[in-house]
């Protein structure tokens, strides 16, 4: 059983940068697909950034492409989401998720992830 814990969410102003962290309970998440997802009230949870279990390629939602960057430490125990040029529409609860089976194409489907963190709130004021 993998446990994930997000941190770093807070209130920022539009145009600011913020980095979210996701720490895993296991020594490493090598060979796990990892993703960052977000959800706002009344909307479906959406994947904003993800990497497949092989770690070869990273996918970004169009709305964040060029502004958000997914990365991890060398042990792949902690995953990060660097968010630049934040906009009010980026306001959401952000979740990290992991799964041992997903390739990159499958990481865009929130329902495919087995392991989830509890979420961290990011609020971007205009």
Foldseek 3Di string as FASTA:
>chain_A
DKAKAKDWADEEAAQAKTKMKIAIPDQALQLKKKFKWWDDPPDDIWTAKIAFNNRPDMDGDPVQPPFWDWDAPPRRRMIMIIGGRDDQVVWTWMKMFIGNDGHRVPVGDVVPTDYIYPTHTHGYHD
